């Protein structure tokens, strides 16, 4: 029993290794949280642009479908989002 206790007490530097590993894991978790937060922020921005474009386009309906598409594309462009006219689909019947 005495040899085991002596061997256990002679081992030094274990805490430094464990703390280093934990710090690396913590930094990885922080980086993941920042990336996911950025992803949700961009998703919210693009959803807001899509909503604004749809509301701008719907004001021109049902009289002028082409003006509705152009209004939607214009509002997307005002928010620095490139939207092509072919990407805007207006169903014939609602």
N, C-alpha and C. Protein backbone atom coordinates (compact mmCIF):
# COMPACT_ATOMS: atom_id res chain seq x y z
N UNK A 1 0.82 -1.18 0.00
CA UNK A 1 0.00 0.00 0.00
C UNK A 1 0.86 1.25 0.00
N UNK A 2 1.97 1.16 0.68
CA UNK A 2 2.87 2.30 0.77
C UNK A 2 3.48 2.63 -0.59
N UNK A 3 3.80 1.60 -1.40
CA UNK A 3 4.37 1.83 -2.72
C UNK A 3 3.35 2.51 -3.65
N UNK A 4 2.10 2.11 -3.54
CA UNK A 4 1.06 2.71 -4.38
C UNK A 4 0.90 4.19 -4.05
N UNK A 5 0.88 4.52 -2.76
CA UNK A 5 0.72 5.90 -2.32
C UNK A 5 1.92 6.74 -2.77
N UNK A 6 3.10 6.17 -2.69
CA UNK A 6 4.31 6.88 -3.08
C UNK A 6 4.30 7.15 -4.59
N UNK A 7 3.90 6.15 -5.37
CA UNK A 7 3.84 6.30 -6.82
C UNK A 7 2.78 7.33 -7.22
N UNK A 8 1.66 7.33 -6.53
CA UNK A 8 0.58 8.26 -6.83
C UNK A 8 0.99 9.69 -6.53
N UNK A 9 1.68 9.92 -5.45
CA UNK A 9 2.08 11.27 -5.06
C UNK A 9 3.24 11.80 -5.89
N UNK A 10 4.01 10.94 -6.53
CA UNK A 10 5.15 11.37 -7.32
C UNK A 10 4.74 11.87 -8.70
N UNK A 11 3.56 11.55 -9.15
CA UNK A 11 3.13 11.97 -10.48
C UNK A 11 2.72 13.43 -10.44
N UNK A 12 3.44 14.26 -11.18
CA UNK A 12 3.18 15.70 -11.19
C UNK A 12 2.86 16.13 -12.63
N UNK A 13 2.12 17.21 -12.76
CA UNK A 13 1.80 17.75 -14.07
C UNK A 13 0.51 17.21 -14.67
N UNK A 14 -0.19 16.35 -13.97
CA UNK A 14 -1.43 15.80 -14.52
C UNK A 14 -2.51 16.87 -14.62
N UNK A 15 -2.55 17.76 -13.67
CA UNK A 15 -3.58 18.81 -13.67
C UNK A 15 -3.38 19.74 -14.87
N UNK A 16 -2.14 20.04 -15.19
CA UNK A 16 -1.87 20.91 -16.33
C UNK A 16 -2.36 20.30 -17.63
N UNK A 17 -2.16 19.02 -17.80
CA UNK A 17 -2.61 18.33 -19.01
C UNK A 17 -4.13 18.32 -19.08
N UNK A 18 -4.77 18.02 -17.98
CA UNK A 18 -6.24 17.97 -17.96
C UNK A 18 -6.84 19.36 -18.20
N UNK A 19 -6.27 20.37 -17.58
CA UNK A 19 -6.76 21.73 -17.78
C UNK A 19 -6.57 22.17 -19.23
N UNK A 20 -5.45 21.81 -19.82
CA UNK A 20 -5.21 22.15 -21.23
C UNK A 20 -6.25 21.50 -22.13
N UNK A 21 -6.54 20.25 -21.90
CA UNK A 21 -7.55 19.55 -22.70
C UNK A 21 -8.92 20.18 -22.51
N UNK A 22 -9.25 20.54 -21.28
CA UNK A 22 -10.55 21.17 -21.02
C UNK A 22 -10.65 22.55 -21.67
N UNK A 23 -9.56 23.30 -21.67
CA UNK A 23 -9.58 24.62 -22.30
C UNK A 23 -9.78 24.49 -23.81
N UNK A 24 -9.13 23.51 -24.42
CA UNK A 24 -9.31 23.28 -25.85
C UNK A 24 -10.76 22.90 -26.16
N UNK A 25 -11.34 22.04 -25.34
CA UNK A 25 -12.74 21.65 -25.53
C UNK A 25 -13.68 22.84 -25.33
N UNK A 26 -13.38 23.66 -24.34
CA UNK A 26 -14.19 24.84 -24.08
C UNK A 26 -14.12 25.83 -25.23
N UNK A 27 -12.94 26.05 -25.78
CA UNK A 27 -12.80 26.95 -26.92
C UNK A 27 -13.54 26.41 -28.14
N UNK A 28 -13.52 25.09 -28.33
CA UNK A 28 -14.28 24.48 -29.43
C UNK A 28 -15.77 24.70 -29.26
N UNK A 29 -16.26 24.57 -28.02
CA UNK A 29 -17.68 24.77 -27.76
C UNK A 29 -18.06 26.24 -27.99
N UNK A 30 -17.20 27.16 -27.58
CA UNK A 30 -17.47 28.59 -27.80
C UNK A 30 -17.50 28.90 -29.29
N UNK A 31 -16.58 28.34 -30.05
CA UNK A 31 -16.58 28.55 -31.50
C UNK A 31 -17.85 28.02 -32.14
N UNK A 32 -18.32 26.87 -31.68
CA UNK A 32 -19.56 26.30 -32.21
C UNK A 32 -20.75 27.19 -31.89
N UNK A 33 -20.81 27.72 -30.68
CA UNK A 33 -21.91 28.60 -30.29
C UNK A 33 -21.90 29.87 -31.14
N UNK A 34 -20.73 30.42 -31.40
CA UNK A 34 -20.64 31.62 -32.24
C UNK A 34 -21.09 31.32 -33.66
N UNK A 35 -20.68 30.18 -34.21
CA UNK A 35 -21.09 29.82 -35.57
C UNK A 35 -22.60 29.61 -35.68
N UNK A 36 -23.17 28.93 -34.71
CA UNK A 36 -24.62 28.67 -34.75
C UNK A 36 -25.38 29.98 -34.56
N UNK A 37 -24.90 30.86 -33.68
CA UNK A 37 -25.54 32.16 -33.50
C UNK A 37 -25.51 32.99 -34.77
N UNK A 38 -24.39 32.96 -35.46
CA UNK A 38 -24.27 33.67 -36.73
C UNK A 38 -25.21 33.10 -37.78
N UNK A 39 -25.35 31.78 -37.78
CA UNK A 39 -26.25 31.12 -38.71
C UNK A 39 -27.70 31.55 -38.46
N UNK A 40 -28.12 31.58 -37.21
CA UNK A 40 -29.49 31.99 -36.89
C UNK A 40 -29.71 33.46 -37.21
N UNK A 41 -28.69 34.29 -37.02
CA UNK A 41 -28.82 35.70 -37.34
C UNK A 41 -29.01 35.90 -38.84
N UNK A 42 -28.23 35.21 -39.64
CA UNK A 42 -28.36 35.32 -41.10
C UNK A 42 -29.70 34.76 -41.57
N UNK A 43 -30.13 33.67 -40.95
CA UNK A 43 -31.42 33.08 -41.32
C UNK A 43 -32.55 34.06 -41.04
N UNK A 44 -32.49 34.73 -39.91
CA UNK A 44 -33.51 35.73 -39.58
C UNK A 44 -33.50 36.90 -40.54
N UNK A 45 -32.31 37.33 -40.93
CA UNK A 45 -32.19 38.43 -41.89
C UNK A 45 -32.82 38.06 -43.21
N UNK A 46 -32.49 36.88 -43.74
CA UNK A 46 -33.04 36.48 -45.03
C UNK A 46 -34.54 36.24 -44.95
N UNK A 47 -35.03 35.78 -43.80
CA UNK A 47 -36.48 35.62 -43.64
C UNK A 47 -37.17 36.98 -43.66
N UNK A 48 -36.56 37.97 -43.02
CA UNK A 48 -37.13 39.33 -43.05
C UNK A 48 -37.14 39.90 -44.45
N UNK A 49 -36.08 39.67 -45.21
CA UNK A 49 -36.02 40.14 -46.60
C UNK A 49 -37.10 39.44 -47.43
N UNK A 50 -37.26 38.15 -47.23
CA UNK A 50 -38.29 37.42 -47.98
C UNK A 50 -39.68 37.92 -47.63
N UNK A 51 -39.93 38.20 -46.36
CA UNK A 51 -41.24 38.71 -45.95
C UNK A 51 -41.50 40.10 -46.54
N UNK A 52 -40.50 40.96 -46.50
CA UNK A 52 -40.66 42.31 -47.05
C UNK A 52 -40.89 42.26 -48.55
N UNK A 53 -40.15 41.39 -49.23
CA UNK A 53 -40.32 41.26 -50.68
C UNK A 53 -41.71 40.74 -51.02
N UNK A 54 -42.17 39.77 -50.27
CA UNK A 54 -43.50 39.21 -50.54
C UNK A 54 -44.59 40.25 -50.29
N UNK A 55 -44.46 41.01 -49.22
CA UNK A 55 -45.46 42.05 -48.94
C UNK A 55 -45.43 43.15 -49.99
N UNK A 56 -44.25 43.50 -50.47
CA UNK A 56 -44.15 44.51 -51.52
C UNK A 56 -44.76 44.01 -52.82
N UNK A 57 -44.54 42.76 -53.13
CA UNK A 57 -45.08 42.20 -54.36
C UNK A 57 -46.58 42.01 -54.32
N UNK A 58 -47.11 41.64 -53.18
CA UNK A 58 -48.54 41.35 -53.09
C UNK A 58 -49.39 42.62 -53.23
N UNK A 59 -48.80 43.77 -53.01
CA UNK A 59 -49.55 45.02 -53.17
C UNK A 59 -49.92 45.27 -54.63
N UNK A 60 -49.19 44.68 -55.54
CA UNK A 60 -49.45 44.86 -56.97
C UNK A 60 -50.43 43.82 -57.52
N UNK A 61 -50.72 42.82 -56.74
CA UNK A 61 -51.61 41.75 -57.21
C UNK A 61 -53.05 42.13 -56.98
N UNK A 62 -54.00 41.63 -57.69
CA UNK A 62 -53.96 40.75 -58.85
C UNK A 62 -53.91 41.50 -60.17
N UNK A 63 -53.81 42.84 -60.11
CA UNK A 63 -53.87 43.62 -61.34
C UNK A 63 -52.68 43.37 -62.26
N UNK A 64 -51.49 43.39 -61.71
CA UNK A 64 -50.31 43.33 -62.57
C UNK A 64 -49.29 42.37 -61.97
N UNK A 65 -49.23 41.17 -62.55
CA UNK A 65 -48.33 40.14 -62.03
C UNK A 65 -46.87 40.50 -62.25
N UNK A 66 -46.56 41.10 -63.40
CA UNK A 66 -45.17 41.47 -63.69
C UNK A 66 -44.67 42.56 -62.74
N UNK A 67 -45.53 43.52 -62.42
CA UNK A 67 -45.15 44.57 -61.48
C UNK A 67 -44.95 44.00 -60.08
N UNK A 68 -45.71 42.97 -59.74
CA UNK A 68 -45.56 42.33 -58.43
C UNK A 68 -44.20 41.65 -58.32
N UNK A 69 -43.79 40.97 -59.38
CA UNK A 69 -42.49 40.31 -59.39
C UNK A 69 -41.37 41.35 -59.31
N UNK A 70 -41.50 42.41 -60.08
CA UNK A 70 -40.48 43.45 -60.07
C UNK A 70 -40.39 44.15 -58.71
N UNK A 71 -41.54 44.35 -58.05
CA UNK A 71 -41.53 44.97 -56.73
C UNK A 71 -40.84 44.07 -55.72
N UNK A 72 -41.09 42.77 -55.80
CA UNK A 72 -40.44 41.82 -54.88
C UNK A 72 -38.93 41.80 -55.09
N UNK A 73 -38.52 41.79 -56.34
CA UNK A 73 -37.09 41.79 -56.65
C UNK A 73 -36.45 43.10 -56.21
N UNK A 74 -37.17 44.22 -56.38
CA UNK A 74 -36.65 45.53 -55.98
C UNK A 74 -36.44 45.60 -54.47
N UNK A 75 -37.39 45.11 -53.69
CA UNK A 75 -37.24 45.14 -52.24
C UNK A 75 -36.10 44.23 -51.78
N UNK A 76 -35.91 43.13 -52.44
CA UNK A 76 -34.77 42.27 -52.09
C UNK A 76 -33.46 42.98 -52.42
N UNK A 77 -33.42 43.67 -53.55
CA UNK A 77 -32.20 44.40 -53.93
C UNK A 77 -31.90 45.54 -52.97
N UNK A 78 -32.94 46.17 -52.43
CA UNK A 78 -32.74 47.25 -51.45
C UNK A 78 -32.06 46.74 -50.18
N UNK A 79 -32.22 45.46 -49.90
CA UNK A 79 -31.60 44.84 -48.72
C UNK A 79 -30.34 44.08 -49.06
N UNK A 80 -29.78 44.38 -50.24
CA UNK A 80 -28.52 43.76 -50.69
C UNK A 80 -28.62 42.24 -50.82
N UNK A 81 -29.78 41.78 -51.28
CA UNK A 81 -29.98 40.35 -51.55
C UNK A 81 -30.27 40.22 -53.03
N UNK A 82 -29.46 39.44 -53.70
CA UNK A 82 -29.64 39.25 -55.14
C UNK A 82 -30.75 38.21 -55.36
N UNK A 83 -31.80 38.65 -56.01
CA UNK A 83 -32.95 37.78 -56.28
C UNK A 83 -33.26 37.88 -57.76
N UNK A 84 -33.33 36.75 -58.41
CA UNK A 84 -33.60 36.74 -59.84
C UNK A 84 -35.10 36.68 -60.09
N UNK A 85 -35.52 37.27 -61.18
CA UNK A 85 -36.95 37.29 -61.50
C UNK A 85 -37.50 35.87 -61.67
N UNK A 86 -36.67 34.97 -62.17
CA UNK A 86 -37.13 33.59 -62.35
C UNK A 86 -37.32 32.86 -61.03
N UNK A 87 -36.77 33.40 -59.94
CA UNK A 87 -36.92 32.75 -58.63
C UNK A 87 -38.24 33.09 -57.96
N UNK A 88 -38.93 34.10 -58.47
CA UNK A 88 -40.19 34.53 -57.89
C UNK A 88 -41.32 33.78 -58.60
N UNK A 89 -42.11 33.04 -57.84
CA UNK A 89 -43.20 32.24 -58.42
C UNK A 89 -44.52 32.73 -57.83
N UNK A 90 -45.44 33.07 -58.71
CA UNK A 90 -46.78 33.47 -58.28
C UNK A 90 -47.73 32.41 -58.82
N UNK A 91 -48.39 31.69 -57.93
CA UNK A 91 -49.33 30.66 -58.39
C UNK A 91 -50.53 31.29 -59.11
N UNK A 92 -51.08 30.57 -60.06
CA UNK A 92 -52.22 31.08 -60.82
C UNK A 92 -53.47 31.16 -59.98
N UNK A 93 -53.69 30.14 -59.12
CA UNK A 93 -54.88 30.12 -58.28
C UNK A 93 -54.44 29.96 -56.83
N UNK A 94 -55.12 30.67 -55.97
CA UNK A 94 -54.81 30.56 -54.55
C UNK A 94 -55.90 29.78 -53.86
